[in-house]
């Protein structure tokens, strides 16, 4: 497992929906929105987040890492926009 340092957070990436519930296929422009992920680990300087929180983060932020066929995102806490309650 990844152990983040300082103010970094490790997220598991949520799959983006490619179709709506009614079956409409989304174009690339429709998918350009803030991304969602689940917090797996937090660094020692991170406040206000807990493991298992589902968050919205800025698109294009962080570094994607693939370990054992699972994709993770390592991101600074300041790039997390909101926690989904």
PDB file of N, CA and C in Angstrom:
ATOM      1  N   UNK A   1       0.850  -1.189   0.000  1.00  0.00           N
ATOM      2  CA  UNK A   1       0.000   0.000   0.000  1.00  0.00           C
ATOM      3  C   UNK A   1       0.885   1.239   0.000  1.00  0.00           C
ATOM      4  N   UNK A   2       0.368   2.304  -0.507  1.00  0.00           N
ATOM      5  CA  UNK A   2       1.089   3.570  -0.558  1.00  0.00           C
ATOM      6  C   UNK A   2       0.897   4.342   0.746  1.00  0.00           C
ATOM      7  N   UNK A   3       1.974   4.939   1.246  1.00  0.00           N
ATOM      8  CA  UNK A   3       1.916   5.766   2.448  1.00  0.00           C
ATOM      9  C   UNK A   3       2.324   7.178   2.053  1.00  0.00           C
ATOM     10  N   UNK A   4       1.358   8.109   1.980  1.00  0.00           N
ATOM     11  CA  UNK A   4       1.681   9.469   1.543  1.00  0.00           C
ATOM     12  C   UNK A   4       2.473  10.245   2.593  1.00  0.00           C
ATOM     13  N   UNK A   5       3.290  11.169   2.109  1.00  0.00           N
ATOM     14  CA  UNK A   5       4.090  12.030   2.974  1.00  0.00           C
ATOM     15  C   UNK A   5       3.483  13.433   3.011  1.00  0.00           C
ATOM     16  N   UNK A   6       3.874  14.197   4.027  1.00  0.00           N
ATOM     17  CA  UNK A   6       3.501  15.605   4.168  1.00  0.00           C
ATOM     18  C   UNK A   6       1.995  15.844   3.999  1.00  0.00           C
ATOM     19  N   UNK A   7       1.612  16.653   2.976  1.00  0.00           N
ATOM     20  CA  UNK A   7       0.203  17.018   2.775  1.00  0.00           C
ATOM     21  C   UNK A   7      -0.404  16.311   1.561  1.00  0.00           C
ATOM     22  N   UNK A   8       0.063  15.105   1.289  1.00  0.00           N
ATOM     23  CA  UNK A   8      -0.459  14.348   0.147  1.00  0.00           C
ATOM     24  C   UNK A   8      -1.511  13.342   0.589  1.00  0.00           C
ATOM     25  N   UNK A   9      -2.371  12.983  -0.356  1.00  0.00           N
ATOM     26  CA  UNK A   9      -3.475  12.048  -0.124  1.00  0.00           C
ATOM     27  C   UNK A   9      -3.447  11.014  -1.245  1.00  0.00           C
ATOM     28  N   UNK A  10      -3.709   9.755  -0.901  1.00  0.00           N
ATOM     29  CA  UNK A  10      -3.818   8.693  -1.905  1.00  0.00           C
ATOM     30  C   UNK A  10      -5.300   8.401  -2.122  1.00  0.00           C
ATOM     31  N   UNK A  11      -5.729   8.470  -3.392  1.00  0.00           N
ATOM     32  CA  UNK A  11      -7.126   8.217  -3.749  1.00  0.00           C
ATOM     33  C   UNK A  11      -7.215   6.994  -4.660  1.00  0.00           C
ATOM     34  N   UNK A  12      -8.279   6.225  -4.499  1.00  0.00           N
ATOM     35  CA  UNK A  12      -8.619   5.238  -5.527  1.00  0.00           C
ATOM     36  C   UNK A  12      -9.556   5.959  -6.477  1.00  0.00           C
ATOM     37  N   UNK A  13      -9.339   5.767  -7.750  1.00  0.00           N
ATOM     38  CA  UNK A  13     -10.107   6.513  -8.741  1.00  0.00           C
ATOM     39  C   UNK A  13     -11.454   5.862  -8.986  1.00  0.00           C
ATOM     40  N   UNK A  14     -12.496   6.695  -9.003  1.00  0.00           N
ATOM     41  CA  UNK A  14     -13.837   6.232  -9.328  1.00  0.00           C
ATOM     42  C   UNK A  14     -13.972   6.205 -10.844  1.00  0.00           C
ATOM     43  N   UNK A  15     -14.600   5.192 -11.376  1.00  0.00           N
ATOM     44  CA  UNK A  15     -14.792   5.089 -12.825  1.00  0.00           C
ATOM     45  C   UNK A  15     -15.740   6.173 -13.300  1.00  0.00           C
ATOM     46  N   UNK A  16     -15.374   6.815 -14.408  1.00  0.00           N
ATOM     47  CA  UNK A  16     -16.244   7.837 -14.990  1.00  0.00           C
ATOM     48  C   UNK A  16     -17.378   7.172 -15.750  1.00  0.00           C
ATOM     49  N   UNK A  17     -18.554   7.740 -15.640  1.00  0.00           N
ATOM     50  CA  UNK A  17     -19.700   7.241 -16.385  1.00  0.00           C
ATOM     51  C   UNK A  17     -19.538   7.611 -17.852  1.00  0.00           C
ATOM     52  N   UNK A  18     -19.734   6.650 -18.739  1.00  0.00           N
ATOM     53  CA  UNK A  18     -19.648   6.927 -20.171  1.00  0.00           C
ATOM     54  C   UNK A  18     -21.032   7.065 -20.795  1.00  0.00           C
ATOM     55  N   UNK A  19     -22.063   6.659 -20.063  1.00  0.00           N
ATOM     56  CA  UNK A  19     -23.439   6.843 -20.518  1.00  0.00           C
ATOM     57  C   UNK A  19     -24.273   7.328 -19.334  1.00  0.00           C
ATOM     58  N   UNK A  20     -25.354   8.006 -19.644  1.00  0.00           N
ATOM     59  CA  UNK A  20     -26.270   8.447 -18.592  1.00  0.00           C
ATOM     60  C   UNK A  20     -27.171   7.281 -18.212  1.00  0.00           C
ATOM     61  N   UNK A  21     -27.962   7.451 -17.163  1.00  0.00           N
ATOM     62  CA  UNK A  21     -28.876   6.389 -16.740  1.00  0.00           C
ATOM     63  C   UNK A  21     -29.879   6.031 -17.826  1.00  0.00           C
ATOM     64  N   UNK A  22     -30.204   7.019 -18.672  1.00  0.00           N
ATOM     65  CA  UNK A  22     -31.168   6.756 -19.744  1.00  0.00           C
ATOM     66  C   UNK A  22     -30.505   6.182 -20.996  1.00  0.00           C
ATOM     67  N   UNK A  23     -29.164   5.997 -20.961  1.00  0.00           N
ATOM     68  CA  UNK A  23     -28.487   5.370 -22.075  1.00  0.00           C
ATOM     69  C   UNK A  23     -27.839   6.318 -23.067  1.00  0.00           C
ATOM     70  N   UNK A  24     -27.828   7.610 -22.776  1.00  0.00           N
ATOM     71  CA  UNK A  24     -27.215   8.580 -23.685  1.00  0.00           C
ATOM     72  C   UNK A  24     -25.697   8.499 -23.532  1.00  0.00           C
ATOM     73  N   UNK A  25     -24.995   8.374 -24.643  1.00  0.00           N
ATOM     74  CA  UNK A  25     -23.538   8.303 -24.624  1.00  0.00           C
ATOM     75  C   UNK A  25     -22.984   9.710 -24.489  1.00  0.00           C
ATOM     76  N   UNK A  26     -22.087   9.891 -23.508  1.00  0.00           N
ATOM     77  CA  UNK A  26     -21.503  11.203 -23.258  1.00  0.00           C
ATOM     78  C   UNK A  26     -20.290  11.419 -24.154  1.00  0.00           C
ATOM     79  N   UNK A  27     -20.126  12.650 -24.630  1.00  0.00           N
ATOM     80  CA  UNK A  27     -18.946  12.988 -25.425  1.00  0.00           C
ATOM     81  C   UNK A  27     -17.809  13.349 -24.488  1.00  0.00           C
ATOM     82  N   UNK A  28     -16.635  13.562 -25.041  1.00  0.00           N
ATOM     83  CA  UNK A  28     -15.472  13.926 -24.233  1.00  0.00           C
ATOM     84  C   UNK A  28     -15.715  15.239 -23.493  1.00  0.00           C
ATOM     85  N   UNK A  29     -16.422  16.174 -24.104  1.00  0.00           N
ATOM     86  CA  UNK A  29     -16.693  17.460 -23.467  1.00  0.00           C
ATOM     87  C   UNK A  29     -17.581  17.305 -22.237  1.00  0.00           C
ATOM     88  N   UNK A  30     -18.522  16.364 -22.280  1.00  0.00           N
ATOM     89  CA  UNK A  30     -19.408  16.152 -21.142  1.00  0.00           C
ATOM     90  C   UNK A  30     -18.669  15.549 -19.958  1.00  0.00           C
ATOM     91  N   UNK A  31     -17.581  14.832 -20.229  1.00  0.00           N
ATOM     92  CA  UNK A  31     -16.843  14.183 -19.163  1.00  0.00           C
ATOM     93  C   UNK A  31     -15.785  15.094 -18.549  1.00  0.00           C
ATOM     94  N   UNK A  32     -15.574  16.293 -19.090  1.00  0.00           N
ATOM     95  CA  UNK A  32     -14.579  17.216 -18.562  1.00  0.00           C
ATOM     96  C   UNK A  32     -15.162  17.952 -17.366  1.00  0.00           C
ATOM     97  N   UNK A  33     -15.133  17.286 -16.219  1.00  0.00           N
ATOM     98  CA  UNK A  33     -15.699  17.829 -14.997  1.00  0.00           C
ATOM     99  C   UNK A  33     -14.815  17.379 -13.835  1.00  0.00           C
ATOM    100  N   UNK A  34     -14.999  17.953 -12.654  1.00  0.00           N
ATOM    101  CA  UNK A  34     -14.186  17.501 -11.528  1.00  0.00           C
ATOM    102  C   UNK A  34     -14.321  15.995 -11.321  1.00  0.00           C
ATOM    103  N   UNK A  35     -13.235  15.359 -10.983  1.00  0.00           N
ATOM    104  CA  UNK A  35     -13.215  13.911 -10.822  1.00  0.00           C
ATOM    105  C   UNK A  35     -13.479  13.526  -9.367  1.00  0.00           C
ATOM    106  N   UNK A  36     -13.849  12.275  -9.162  1.00  0.00           N
ATOM    107  CA  UNK A  36     -14.158  11.771  -7.831  1.00  0.00           C
ATOM    108  C   UNK A  36     -13.229  10.629  -7.482  1.00  0.00           C
ATOM    109  N   UNK A  37     -12.935  10.494  -6.206  1.00  0.00           N
ATOM    110  CA  UNK A  37     -12.111   9.398  -5.724  1.00  0.00           C
ATOM    111  C   UNK A  37     -12.393   9.123  -4.262  1.00  0.00           C
ATOM    112  N   UNK A  38     -11.939   7.960  -3.819  1.00  0.00           N
ATOM    113  CA  UNK A  38     -12.112   7.555  -2.424  1.00  0.00           C
ATOM    114  C   UNK A  38     -10.757   7.649  -1.730  1.00  0.00           C
ATOM    115  N   UNK A  39     -10.731   8.278  -0.559  1.00  0.00           N
ATOM    116  CA  UNK A  39      -9.490   8.454   0.188  1.00  0.00           C
ATOM    117  C   UNK A  39      -9.062   7.111   0.777  1.00  0.00           C
ATOM    118  N   UNK A  40      -7.844   6.695   0.431  1.00  0.00           N
ATOM    119  CA  UNK A  40      -7.292   5.447   0.953  1.00  0.00           C
ATOM    120  C   UNK A  40      -6.277   5.688   2.057  1.00  0.00           C
ATOM    121  N   UNK A  41      -5.527   6.792   1.949  1.00  0.00           N
ATOM    122  CA  UNK A  41      -4.509   7.115   2.953  1.00  0.00           C
ATOM    123  C   UNK A  41      -4.267   8.618   2.932  1.00  0.00           C
ATOM    124  N   UNK A  42      -3.899   9.160   4.092  1.00  0.00           N
ATOM    125  CA  UNK A  42      -3.632  10.597   4.192  1.00  0.00           C
ATOM    126  C   UNK A  42      -2.266  10.826   4.844  1.00  0.00           C
ATOM    127  N   UNK A  43      -1.595  11.871   4.410  1.00  0.00           N
ATOM    128  CA  UNK A  43      -0.304  12.235   4.978  1.00  0.00           C
ATOM    129  C   UNK A  43      -0.465  12.857   6.352  1.00  0.00           C
ATOM    130  N   UNK A  44       0.639  12.975   7.103  1.00  0.00           N
ATOM    131  CA  UNK A  44       0.565  13.473   8.484  1.00  0.00           C
ATOM    132  C   UNK A  44       0.154  14.940   8.620  1.00  0.00           C
ATOM    133  N   UNK A  45       0.280  15.730   7.579  1.00  0.00           N
ATOM    134  CA  UNK A  45      -0.070  17.156   7.669  1.00  0.00           C
ATOM    135  C   UNK A  45      -1.456  17.473   7.107  1.00  0.00           C
ATOM    136  N   UNK A  46      -2.230  16.455   6.776  1.00  0.00           N
ATOM    137  CA  UNK A  46      -3.559  16.670   6.187  1.00  0.00           C
ATOM    138  C   UNK A  46      -4.600  16.749   7.306  1.00  0.00           C
ATOM    139  N   UNK A  47      -5.428  17.786   7.237  1.00  0.00           N
ATOM    140  CA  UNK A  47      -6.516  17.955   8.208  1.00  0.00           C
ATOM    141  C   UNK A  47      -7.844  18.008   7.472  1.00  0.00           C
ATOM    142  N   UNK A  48      -8.898  17.549   8.109  1.00  0.00           N
ATOM    143  CA  UNK A  48     -10.239  17.656   7.547  1.00  0.00           C
ATOM    144  C   UNK A  48     -10.643  16.514   6.646  1.00  0.00           C
ATOM    145  N   UNK A  49      -9.787  15.535   6.467  1.00  0.00           N
ATOM    146  CA  UNK A  49     -10.121  14.366   5.647  1.00  0.00           C
ATOM    147  C   UNK A  49      -9.931  13.105   6.469  1.00  0.00           C
ATOM    148  N   UNK A  50     -10.714  12.091   6.119  1.00  0.00           N
ATOM    149  CA  UNK A  50     -10.596  10.790   6.765  1.00  0.00           C
ATOM    150  C   UNK A  50     -10.521   9.712   5.696  1.00  0.00           C
ATOM    151  N   UNK A  51      -9.924   8.590   6.052  1.00  0.00           N
ATOM    152  CA  UNK A  51      -9.898   7.442   5.160  1.00  0.00           C
ATOM    153  C   UNK A  51     -11.341   7.046   4.859  1.00  0.00           C
ATOM    154  N   UNK A  52     -11.631   6.674   3.638  1.00  0.00           N
ATOM    155  CA  UNK A  52     -12.949   6.273   3.113  1.00  0.00           C
ATOM    156  C   UNK A  52     -13.841   7.445   2.740  1.00  0.00           C
ATOM    157  N   UNK A  53     -13.407   8.693   2.923  1.00  0.00           N
ATOM    158  CA  UNK A  53     -14.176   9.834   2.413  1.00  0.00           C
ATOM    159  C   UNK A  53     -14.186   9.774   0.892  1.00  0.00           C
ATOM    160  N   UNK A  54     -15.296  10.131   0.279  1.00  0.00           N
ATOM    161  CA  UNK A  54     -15.373  10.269  -1.173  1.00  0.00           C
ATOM    162  C   UNK A  54     -15.255  11.754  -1.466  1.00  0.00           C
ATOM    163  N   UNK A  55     -14.297  12.103  -2.318  1.00  0.00           N
ATOM    164  CA  UNK A  55     -13.984  13.509  -2.559  1.00  0.00           C
ATOM    165  C   UNK A  55     -14.043  13.854  -4.044  1.00  0.00           C
ATOM    166  N   UNK A  56     -14.195  15.143  -4.298  1.00  0.00           N
ATOM    167  CA  UNK A  56     -14.090  15.689  -5.654  1.00  0.00           C
ATOM    168  C   UNK A  56     -12.789  16.468  -5.693  1.00  0.00           C
ATOM    169  N   UNK A  57     -11.965  16.167  -6.696  1.00  0.00           N
ATOM    170  CA  UNK A  57     -10.676  16.841  -6.816  1.00  0.00           C
ATOM    171  C   UNK A  57     -10.563  17.504  -8.172  1.00  0.00           C
ATOM    172  N   UNK A  58      -9.617  18.434  -8.286  1.00  0.00           N
ATOM    173  CA  UNK A  58      -9.412  19.140  -9.543  1.00  0.00           C
ATOM    174  C   UNK A  58      -8.915  18.158 -10.608  1.00  0.00           C
ATOM    175  N   UNK A  59      -9.532  18.232 -11.783  1.00  0.00           N
ATOM    176  CA  UNK A  59      -9.059  17.423 -12.896  1.00  0.00           C
ATOM    177  C   UNK A  59      -7.634  17.833 -13.218  1.00  0.00           C
ATOM    178  N   UNK A  60      -6.855  16.935 -13.683  1.00  0.00           N
ATOM    179  CA  UNK A  60      -5.459  17.169 -14.084  1.00  0.00           C
ATOM    180  C   UNK A  60      -4.530  17.423 -12.907  1.00  0.00           C
ATOM    181  N   UNK A  61      -4.970  17.239 -11.674  1.00  0.00           N
ATOM    182  CA  UNK A  61      -4.102  17.416 -10.513  1.00  0.00           C
ATOM    183  C   UNK A  61      -3.566  16.052 -10.081  1.00  0.00           C
ATOM    184  N   UNK A  62      -2.417  16.042  -9.488  1.00  0.00           N
ATOM    185  CA  UNK A  62      -1.864  14.823  -8.920  1.00  0.00           C
ATOM    186  C   UNK A  62      -1.118  13.959  -9.910  1.00  0.00           C
ATOM    187  N   UNK A  63      -0.668  12.813  -9.404  1.00  0.00           N
ATOM    188  CA  UNK A  63       0.102  11.849 -10.185  1.00  0.00           C
ATOM    189  C   UNK A  63      -0.581  10.498 -10.123  1.00  0.00           C
ATOM    190  N   UNK A  64      -0.877   9.919 -11.292  1.00  0.00           N
ATOM    191  CA  UNK A  64      -1.490   8.594 -11.335  1.00  0.00           C
ATOM    192  C   UNK A  64      -0.404   7.531 -11.217  1.00  0.00           C
ATOM    193  N   UNK A  65      -0.703   6.504 -10.415  1.00  0.00           N
ATOM    194  CA  UNK A  65       0.221   5.398 -10.191  1.00  0.00           C
ATOM    195  C   UNK A  65      -0.574   4.109 -10.317  1.00  0.00           C
ATOM    196  N   UNK A  66       0.001   3.113 -10.998  1.00  0.00           N
ATOM    197  CA  UNK A  66      -0.667   1.820 -11.123  1.00  0.00           C
ATOM    198  C   UNK A  66       0.165   0.771 -10.407  1.00  0.00           C
ATOM    199  N   UNK A  67      -0.420   0.131  -9.395  1.00  0.00           N
ATOM    200  CA  UNK A  67       0.221  -0.931  -8.636  1.00  0.00           C
ATOM    201  C   UNK A  67      -0.711  -2.129  -8.574  1.00  0.00           C
ATOM    202  N   UNK A  68      -0.201  -3.292  -8.913  1.00  0.00           N
ATOM    203  CA  UNK A  68      -0.978  -4.534  -8.839  1.00  0.00           C
ATOM    204  C   UNK A  68      -2.339  -4.398  -9.517  1.00  0.00           C
ATOM    205  N   UNK A  69      -2.354  -3.867 -10.731  1.00  0.00           N
ATOM    206  CA  UNK A  69      -3.565  -3.703 -11.552  1.00  0.00           C
ATOM    207  C   UNK A  69      -4.610  -2.758 -10.951  1.00  0.00           C
ATOM    208  N   UNK A  70      -4.226  -1.948  -9.980  1.00  0.00           N
ATOM    209  CA  UNK A  70      -5.126  -0.951  -9.400  1.00  0.00           C
ATOM    210  C   UNK A  70      -4.529   0.417  -9.656  1.00  0.00           C
ATOM    211  N   UNK A  71      -5.359   1.376 -10.074  1.00  0.00           N
ATOM    212  CA  UNK A  71      -4.874   2.717 -10.351  1.00  0.00           C
ATOM    213  C   UNK A  71      -5.173   3.638  -9.172  1.00  0.00           C
ATOM    214  N   UNK A  72      -4.161   4.386  -8.758  1.00  0.00           N
ATOM    215  CA  UNK A  72      -4.262   5.318  -7.639  1.00  0.00           C
ATOM    216  C   UNK A  72      -3.892   6.713  -8.115  1.00  0.00           C
ATOM    217  N   UNK A  73      -4.312   7.707  -7.349  1.00  0.00           N
ATOM    218  CA  UNK A  73      -3.919   9.082  -7.599  1.00  0.00           C
ATOM    219  C   UNK A  73      -3.311   9.633  -6.321  1.00  0.00           C
ATOM    220  N   UNK A  74      -2.093  10.168  -6.432  1.00  0.00           N
ATOM    221  CA  UNK A  74      -1.449  10.829  -5.307  1.00  0.00           C
ATOM    222  C   UNK A  74      -1.588  12.333  -5.564  1.00  0.00           C
ATOM    223  N   UNK A  75      -2.246  13.018  -4.644  1.00  0.00           N
ATOM    224  CA  UNK A  75      -2.630  14.406  -4.865  1.00  0.00           C
ATOM    225  C   UNK A  75      -2.401  15.221  -3.593  1.00  0.00           C
ATOM    226  N   UNK A  76      -2.070  16.494  -3.755  1.00  0.00           N
ATOM    227  CA  UNK A  76      -1.955  17.362  -2.588  1.00  0.00           C
ATOM    228  C   UNK A  76      -3.357  17.690  -2.074  1.00  0.00           C
ATOM    229  N   UNK A  77      -3.480  17.783  -0.774  1.00  0.00           N
ATOM    230  CA  UNK A  77      -4.782  18.052  -0.156  1.00  0.00           C
ATOM    231  C   UNK A  77      -5.402  19.349  -0.655  1.00  0.00           C
ATOM    232  N   UNK A  78      -4.584  20.340  -1.009  1.00  0.00           N
ATOM    233  CA  UNK A  78      -5.123  21.622  -1.469  1.00  0.00           C
ATOM    234  C   UNK A  78      -5.864  21.499  -2.806  1.00  0.00           C
ATOM    235  N   UNK A  79      -5.644  20.411  -3.548  1.00  0.00           N
ATOM    236  CA  UNK A  79      -6.326  20.189  -4.814  1.00  0.00           C
ATOM    237  C   UNK A  79      -7.637  19.417  -4.668  1.00  0.00           C
ATOM    238  N   UNK A  80      -7.995  19.075  -3.439  1.00  0.00           N
ATOM    239  CA  UNK A  80      -9.280  18.434  -3.179  1.00  0.00           C
ATOM    240  C   UNK A  80     -10.295  19.544  -2.930  1.00  0.00           C
ATOM    241  N   UNK A  81     -11.365  19.522  -3.714  1.00  0.00           N
ATOM    242  CA  UNK A  81     -12.339  20.604  -3.668  1.00  0.00           C
ATOM    243  C   UNK A  81     -13.439  20.412  -2.641  1.00  0.00           C
ATOM    244  N   UNK A  82     -13.883  19.154  -2.446  1.00  0.00           N
ATOM    245  CA  UNK A  82     -15.019  18.920  -1.541  1.00  0.00           C
ATOM    246  C   UNK A  82     -15.073  17.460  -1.129  1.00  0.00           C
ATOM    247  N   UNK A  83     -15.711  17.242   0.016  1.00  0.00           N
ATOM    248  CA  UNK A  83     -16.005  15.890   0.499  1.00  0.00           C
ATOM    249  C   UNK A  83     -17.492  15.670   0.270  1.00  0.00           C
ATOM    250  N   UNK A  84     -17.857  14.541  -0.309  1.00  0.00           N
ATOM    251  CA  UNK A  84     -19.269  14.226  -0.540  1.00  0.00           C
ATOM    252  C   UNK A  84     -19.830  13.646   0.746  1.00  0.00           C
ATOM    253  N   UNK A  85     -20.828  14.314   1.292  1.00  0.00           N
ATOM    254  CA  UNK A  85     -21.422  13.900   2.562  1.00  0.00           C
ATOM    255  C   UNK A  85     -22.500  12.869   2.371  1.00  0.00           C
TER     256      UNK A  85
END
